[in-house]
Amino acid sequence: MATRRTRSRRAPMNIETVQRWVASAILFHVGSVPAVTLAVYSIGVADSDYGKGVGLWIMSGVIGLLTAAGILAIFRRSLLSLWLIVGLLPTVVTGFYVL
């Protein structure tokens, strides 16, 4: 007697969930590249012109915060969340070199 394998069937994923994940992935890439680039670039600029370096460093933090807040908004979460710290991560790491 042959036994039949039963496959576990998963419920299909909701299209809105997929759209949220795709939009947040795109926003993460679009926002994290300038934030990290400005944070790293501010180290070199701060050596020659401290004011411009700090300005770039602060801009990287603003872009990181806006990116994290945008992702939270896509998933309809509260904007006052500990996940905002992730947006400040490039700024915090490079702060030791800029300041």
Protein backbone atom coordinates (compact mmCIF):
# COMPACT_ATOMS: atom_id res chain seq x y z
CA MET A 1 0.00 0.00 0.00
CA ALA A 2 1.52 3.28 -1.10
CA THR A 3 1.41 6.15 1.31
CA ARG A 4 0.61 9.60 0.12
CA ARG A 5 2.71 12.50 1.19
CA THR A 6 0.69 15.35 2.43
CA ARG A 7 1.99 18.78 1.77
CA SER A 8 1.41 21.41 4.35
CA ARG A 9 -0.51 24.17 2.70
CA ARG A 10 0.14 27.70 3.71
CA ALA A 11 -2.38 30.43 3.38
CA PRO A 12 -1.55 32.74 0.48
CA MET A 13 0.14 35.96 1.52
CA ASN A 14 -1.96 39.09 1.40
CA ILE A 15 -1.00 41.44 -1.46
CA GLU A 16 -0.91 44.43 0.91
CA THR A 17 1.70 42.69 3.06
CA VAL A 18 3.88 42.04 0.02
CA GLN A 19 3.51 45.64 -1.12
CA ARG A 20 4.52 46.92 2.31
CA TRP A 21 7.63 44.74 2.39
CA VAL A 22 8.65 45.75 -1.13
CA ALA A 23 8.08 49.45 -0.44
CA SER A 24 10.00 49.28 2.83
CA ALA A 25 12.91 47.44 1.18
CA ILE A 26 13.09 50.10 -1.53
CA LEU A 27 12.90 52.90 1.05
CA PHE A 28 15.59 51.23 3.15
CA HIS A 29 18.00 51.10 0.22
CA VAL A 30 17.17 54.58 -1.04
CA GLY A 31 17.51 56.10 2.43
CA SER A 32 20.40 54.12 3.87
CA VAL A 33 22.83 54.76 1.00
CA PRO A 34 22.86 58.57 1.41
CA ALA A 35 22.84 58.30 5.22
CA VAL A 36 25.85 55.99 5.30
CA THR A 37 27.64 57.89 2.53
CA LEU A 38 27.23 61.25 4.26
CA ALA A 39 28.26 59.80 7.61
CA VAL A 40 31.46 58.32 6.20
CA TYR A 41 32.22 61.33 4.02
CA SER A 42 31.82 63.66 7.00
CA ILE A 43 34.86 62.08 8.63
CA GLY A 44 37.17 63.25 5.85
CA VAL A 45 35.55 66.65 5.52
CA ALA A 46 35.73 67.30 9.27
CA ASP A 47 39.52 67.02 9.10
CA SER A 48 39.84 69.99 6.75
CA ASP A 49 36.68 71.99 7.60
CA TYR A 50 35.12 71.05 10.91
CA GLY A 51 31.87 72.98 10.39
CA LYS A 52 31.07 71.35 7.05
CA GLY A 53 31.96 67.92 8.43
CA VAL A 54 29.58 68.32 11.35
CA GLY A 55 26.89 69.59 8.99
CA LEU A 56 27.19 66.52 6.79
CA TRP A 57 27.23 64.34 9.88
CA ILE A 58 23.97 65.88 11.15
CA MET A 59 22.38 65.52 7.69
CA SER A 60 23.19 61.81 7.75
CA GLY A 61 21.33 61.52 11.04
CA VAL A 62 18.30 63.37 9.69
CA ILE A 63 18.16 61.16 6.60
CA GLY A 64 18.52 58.05 8.75
CA LEU A 65 15.72 59.16 11.06
CA LEU A 66 13.42 59.98 8.14
CA THR A 67 14.14 56.60 6.57
CA ALA A 68 13.35 54.73 9.77
CA ALA A 69 10.21 56.82 10.32
CA GLY A 70 9.10 56.15 6.74
CA ILE A 71 9.46 52.41 7.19
CA LEU A 72 7.49 52.58 10.43
CA ALA A 73 4.79 54.58 8.63
CA ILE A 74 4.59 52.02 5.82
CA PHE A 75 3.85 49.32 8.39
CA ARG A 76 1.47 51.66 10.26
CA ARG A 77 3.46 51.55 13.48
CA SER A 78 3.92 54.31 16.00
CA LEU A 79 6.60 56.78 14.93
CA LEU A 80 7.82 57.02 18.52
CA SER A 81 9.59 53.70 18.58
CA LEU A 82 12.97 52.30 19.52
CA TRP A 83 13.42 51.40 15.85
CA LEU A 84 14.35 55.03 15.23
CA ILE A 85 17.69 54.23 16.85
CA VAL A 86 18.48 52.05 13.83
CA GLY A 87 18.15 55.15 11.65
CA LEU A 88 20.77 56.90 13.76
CA LEU A 89 23.22 54.01 13.68
CA PRO A 90 25.53 55.37 10.91
CA THR A 91 25.61 58.76 12.63
CA VAL A 92 26.40 57.29 16.02
CA VAL A 93 29.18 55.07 14.68
CA THR A 94 30.91 57.88 12.78
CA GLY A 95 30.36 60.37 15.58
CA PHE A 96 33.45 59.07 17.35
CA TYR A 97 35.56 60.13 14.35
CA VAL A 98 33.86 63.43 13.59
CA LEU A 99 33.58 64.92 17.07
